[in-house]
């Protein structure tokens, strides 16, 4: 996807553009996997341009109602920092934090907490409407 700069024969690096390309790639990937309405989040500096609230990197109807996705395409990812950001953003809205990350020329990887992974393996994730209703009643 990066284009070689002919004049200087170097690869221009723009981390914001690189992140946006990765978000578009993930939205397309989710659409190819069956989530037809997947799209990038509407954001500016990590905030929803309309509300000013924290905005997800991706909006995937059917998933992002319970899962907060943080997308990172960097060579030297500070994974704990990225996960902490996802956790902060997810905790305010009661979602599971998730980081989808990749380095150049590698496949994307997904990071979630071990507890969330165990819930997924047990079938507790994604939450059912019945589970959501019980959680709302307990609040």
C-alpha atoms as a PDB file:
ATOM      1  CA  UNK A   1       0.000   0.000   0.000  1.00  0.00           C
ATOM      2  CA  UNK A   2       2.879   2.429   0.658  1.00  0.00           C
ATOM      3  CA  UNK A   3       4.039   4.204  -2.447  1.00  0.00           C
ATOM      4  CA  UNK A   4       7.734   4.752  -3.081  1.00  0.00           C
ATOM      5  CA  UNK A   5       8.707   8.404  -3.261  1.00  0.00           C
ATOM      6  CA  UNK A   6      10.337   8.636  -6.699  1.00  0.00           C
ATOM      7  CA  UNK A   7      12.085  11.969  -6.136  1.00  0.00           C
ATOM      8  CA  UNK A   8      14.050  10.843  -3.078  1.00  0.00           C
ATOM      9  CA  UNK A   9      13.711   7.056  -3.508  1.00  0.00           C
ATOM     10  CA  UNK A  10      12.466   6.673   0.065  1.00  0.00           C
ATOM     11  CA  UNK A  11       9.258   5.446   1.631  1.00  0.00           C
ATOM     12  CA  UNK A  12       7.291   8.371   3.077  1.00  0.00           C
ATOM     13  CA  UNK A  13       5.982   7.610   6.523  1.00  0.00           C
ATOM     14  CA  UNK A  14       2.828   9.245   7.816  1.00  0.00           C
ATOM     15  CA  UNK A  15       1.591   7.417  10.870  1.00  0.00           C
ATOM     16  CA  UNK A  16      -1.878   8.977  10.772  1.00  0.00           C
ATOM     17  CA  UNK A  17      -2.378   7.939   7.133  1.00  0.00           C
ATOM     18  CA  UNK A  18      -0.938   4.507   7.880  1.00  0.00           C
ATOM     19  CA  UNK A  19      -3.392   4.064  10.750  1.00  0.00           C
ATOM     20  CA  UNK A  20      -6.295   5.221   8.587  1.00  0.00           C
ATOM     21  CA  UNK A  21      -5.306   2.746   5.853  1.00  0.00           C
ATOM     22  CA  UNK A  22      -5.211  -0.051   8.439  1.00  0.00           C
ATOM     23  CA  UNK A  23      -8.646   0.930   9.747  1.00  0.00           C
ATOM     24  CA  UNK A  24     -10.007   0.891   6.181  1.00  0.00           C
ATOM     25  CA  UNK A  25      -8.360  -2.503   5.627  1.00  0.00           C
ATOM     26  CA  UNK A  26      -9.997  -3.872   8.794  1.00  0.00           C
ATOM     27  CA  UNK A  27     -13.410  -2.475   7.835  1.00  0.00           C
ATOM     28  CA  UNK A  28     -13.080  -4.197   4.465  1.00  0.00           C
ATOM     29  CA  UNK A  29     -11.906  -7.408   6.161  1.00  0.00           C
ATOM     30  CA  UNK A  30     -14.944  -7.397   8.476  1.00  0.00           C
ATOM     31  CA  UNK A  31     -17.245  -6.775   5.502  1.00  0.00           C
ATOM     32  CA  UNK A  32     -15.625  -9.697   3.639  1.00  0.00           C
ATOM     33  CA  UNK A  33     -16.170 -11.849   6.745  1.00  0.00           C
ATOM     34  CA  UNK A  34     -19.907 -11.141   6.776  1.00  0.00           C
ATOM     35  CA  UNK A  35     -20.361  -7.896   8.719  1.00  0.00           C
ATOM     36  CA  UNK A  36     -21.661  -5.941   5.722  1.00  0.00           C
ATOM     37  CA  UNK A  37     -22.018  -2.598   7.516  1.00  0.00           C
ATOM     38  CA  UNK A  38     -18.506  -2.461   9.035  1.00  0.00           C
ATOM     39  CA  UNK A  39     -16.828   0.941   8.708  1.00  0.00           C
ATOM     40  CA  UNK A  40     -14.203   3.179  10.229  1.00  0.00           C
ATOM     41  CA  UNK A  41     -15.251   5.175  13.253  1.00  0.00           C
ATOM     42  CA  UNK A  42     -15.996   8.858  12.673  1.00  0.00           C
ATOM     43  CA  UNK A  43     -13.207  10.455  14.658  1.00  0.00           C
ATOM     44  CA  UNK A  44     -10.767  13.278  14.985  1.00  0.00           C
ATOM     45  CA  UNK A  45      -7.883  12.778  17.429  1.00  0.00           C
ATOM     46  CA  UNK A  46      -9.662   9.732  18.853  1.00  0.00           C
ATOM     47  CA  UNK A  47     -12.912  11.605  19.488  1.00  0.00           C
ATOM     48  CA  UNK A  48     -16.268  11.442  17.721  1.00  0.00           C
ATOM     49  CA  UNK A  49     -16.463  14.546  15.557  1.00  0.00           C
ATOM     50  CA  UNK A  50     -20.142  15.027  16.427  1.00  0.00           C
ATOM     51  CA  UNK A  51     -20.225  14.297  20.163  1.00  0.00           C
ATOM     52  CA  UNK A  52     -16.641  14.770  21.353  1.00  0.00           C
ATOM     53  CA  UNK A  53     -16.816  11.386  23.098  1.00  0.00           C
ATOM     54  CA  UNK A  54     -14.154   8.701  22.678  1.00  0.00           C
ATOM     55  CA  UNK A  55     -14.734   7.092  19.287  1.00  0.00           C
ATOM     56  CA  UNK A  56     -13.921   3.514  18.313  1.00  0.00           C
ATOM     57  CA  UNK A  57     -11.506   2.917  15.457  1.00  0.00           C
ATOM     58  CA  UNK A  58     -14.073   0.600  13.875  1.00  0.00           C
ATOM     59  CA  UNK A  59     -17.835   0.297  13.949  1.00  0.00           C
ATOM     60  CA  UNK A  60     -19.004  -3.227  13.243  1.00  0.00           C
ATOM     61  CA  UNK A  61     -22.740  -3.669  13.923  1.00  0.00           C
ATOM     62  CA  UNK A  62     -23.239  -6.894  15.842  1.00  0.00           C
ATOM     63  CA  UNK A  63     -19.761  -6.722  17.390  1.00  0.00           C
ATOM     64  CA  UNK A  64     -18.951  -3.235  18.545  1.00  0.00           C
ATOM     65  CA  UNK A  65     -22.048  -3.065  20.721  1.00  0.00           C
ATOM     66  CA  UNK A  66     -20.048  -5.231  23.163  1.00  0.00           C
ATOM     67  CA  UNK A  67     -16.462  -5.033  21.824  1.00  0.00           C
ATOM     68  CA  UNK A  68     -14.260  -1.930  21.659  1.00  0.00           C
ATOM     69  CA  UNK A  69     -11.701  -2.325  18.860  1.00  0.00           C
ATOM     70  CA  UNK A  70      -8.480  -0.355  18.925  1.00  0.00           C
ATOM     71  CA  UNK A  71      -6.526  -0.682  15.641  1.00  0.00           C
ATOM     72  CA  UNK A  72      -2.747  -0.189  15.611  1.00  0.00           C
ATOM     73  CA  UNK A  73      -0.389  -0.532  12.631  1.00  0.00           C
ATOM     74  CA  UNK A  74       3.073   0.286  13.962  1.00  0.00           C
ATOM     75  CA  UNK A  75       6.499  -1.315  13.897  1.00  0.00           C
ATOM     76  CA  UNK A  76       7.262  -0.873  17.580  1.00  0.00           C
ATOM     77  CA  UNK A  77       3.925  -1.239  19.317  1.00  0.00           C
ATOM     78  CA  UNK A  78       3.757  -0.588  23.015  1.00  0.00           C
ATOM     79  CA  UNK A  79       1.127  -3.306  23.398  1.00  0.00           C
ATOM     80  CA  UNK A  80       0.345  -2.690  27.062  1.00  0.00           C
ATOM     81  CA  UNK A  81      -0.165   1.029  26.364  1.00  0.00           C
ATOM     82  CA  UNK A  82      -2.426   0.215  23.400  1.00  0.00           C
ATOM     83  CA  UNK A  83      -4.409  -2.270  25.501  1.00  0.00           C
ATOM     84  CA  UNK A  84      -4.683   0.222  28.369  1.00  0.00           C
ATOM     85  CA  UNK A  85      -6.083   2.789  25.910  1.00  0.00           C
ATOM     86  CA  UNK A  86      -8.632   0.258  24.650  1.00  0.00           C
ATOM     87  CA  UNK A  87      -9.536  -0.656  28.241  1.00  0.00           C
ATOM     88  CA  UNK A  88     -10.041   3.011  29.205  1.00  0.00           C
ATOM     89  CA  UNK A  89     -12.209   3.650  26.153  1.00  0.00           C
ATOM     90  CA  UNK A  90     -14.177   0.420  26.657  1.00  0.00           C
ATOM     91  CA  UNK A  91     -14.763   0.751  30.397  1.00  0.00           C
ATOM     92  CA  UNK A  92     -16.763   3.962  30.074  1.00  0.00           C
ATOM     93  CA  UNK A  93     -19.272   2.210  27.844  1.00  0.00           C
ATOM     94  CA  UNK A  94     -19.219  -1.323  29.302  1.00  0.00           C
ATOM     95  CA  UNK A  95     -17.450  -3.049  26.413  1.00  0.00           C
ATOM     96  CA  UNK A  96     -14.692  -5.644  26.106  1.00  0.00           C
ATOM     97  CA  UNK A  97     -11.361  -4.043  25.083  1.00  0.00           C
ATOM     98  CA  UNK A  98      -9.590  -5.493  22.051  1.00  0.00           C
ATOM     99  CA  UNK A  99      -6.480  -4.418  20.149  1.00  0.00           C
ATOM    100  CA  UNK A 100      -5.994  -5.508  16.538  1.00  0.00           C
ATOM    101  CA  UNK A 101      -2.400  -4.794  15.637  1.00  0.00           C
ATOM    102  CA  UNK A 102       0.158  -5.477  12.945  1.00  0.00           C
ATOM    103  CA  UNK A 103       3.654  -4.672  11.806  1.00  0.00           C
ATOM    104  CA  UNK A 104       4.665  -4.165   8.185  1.00  0.00           C
ATOM    105  CA  UNK A 105       4.678  -7.392   6.131  1.00  0.00           C
ATOM    106  CA  UNK A 106       2.993  -9.414   8.888  1.00  0.00           C
ATOM    107  CA  UNK A 107      -0.497 -10.710   9.529  1.00  0.00           C
ATOM    108  CA  UNK A 108      -2.697  -8.760  11.945  1.00  0.00           C
ATOM    109  CA  UNK A 109      -2.992 -10.146  15.472  1.00  0.00           C
ATOM    110  CA  UNK A 110      -5.710  -9.705  18.088  1.00  0.00           C
ATOM    111  CA  UNK A 111      -5.077  -9.055  21.771  1.00  0.00           C
ATOM    112  CA  UNK A 112      -7.708  -9.428  24.482  1.00  0.00           C
ATOM    113  CA  UNK A 113      -7.297 -10.183  28.179  1.00  0.00           C
ATOM    114  CA  UNK A 114      -6.957 -13.781  29.311  1.00  0.00           C
ATOM    115  CA  UNK A 115     -10.230 -13.505  31.268  1.00  0.00           C
ATOM    116  CA  UNK A 116     -12.090 -12.229  28.204  1.00  0.00           C
ATOM    117  CA  UNK A 117     -10.506 -15.016  26.151  1.00  0.00           C
ATOM    118  CA  UNK A 118     -11.746 -17.579  28.717  1.00  0.00           C
ATOM    119  CA  UNK A 119     -15.259 -16.090  28.509  1.00  0.00           C
ATOM    120  CA  UNK A 120     -15.111 -16.375  24.729  1.00  0.00           C
ATOM    121  CA  UNK A 121     -13.978 -20.021  24.916  1.00  0.00           C
ATOM    122  CA  UNK A 122     -16.776 -20.841  27.397  1.00  0.00           C
ATOM    123  CA  UNK A 123     -19.311 -19.262  25.049  1.00  0.00           C
ATOM    124  CA  UNK A 124     -20.062 -16.341  27.372  1.00  0.00           C
ATOM    125  CA  UNK A 125     -18.931 -13.912  24.653  1.00  0.00           C
ATOM    126  CA  UNK A 126     -20.488 -12.444  22.718  1.00  0.00           C
ATOM    127  CA  UNK A 127     -23.127 -11.662  25.312  1.00  0.00           C
ATOM    128  CA  UNK A 128     -26.654 -12.645  24.424  1.00  0.00           C
ATOM    129  CA  UNK A 129     -29.582 -10.250  24.703  1.00  0.00           C
ATOM    130  CA  UNK A 130     -30.617 -12.184  27.837  1.00  0.00           C
ATOM    131  CA  UNK A 131     -27.178 -11.564  29.390  1.00  0.00           C
ATOM    132  CA  UNK A 132     -27.347  -7.857  28.537  1.00  0.00           C
ATOM    133  CA  UNK A 133     -30.810  -7.582  30.077  1.00  0.00           C
ATOM    134  CA  UNK A 134     -29.626  -9.215  33.337  1.00  0.00           C
ATOM    135  CA  UNK A 135     -26.599  -6.911  33.483  1.00  0.00           C
ATOM    136  CA  UNK A 136     -28.814  -3.849  32.988  1.00  0.00           C
ATOM    137  CA  UNK A 137     -31.140  -5.020  35.761  1.00  0.00           C
ATOM    138  CA  UNK A 138     -28.176  -5.389  38.161  1.00  0.00           C
ATOM    139  CA  UNK A 139     -26.939  -1.803  37.579  1.00  0.00           C
END
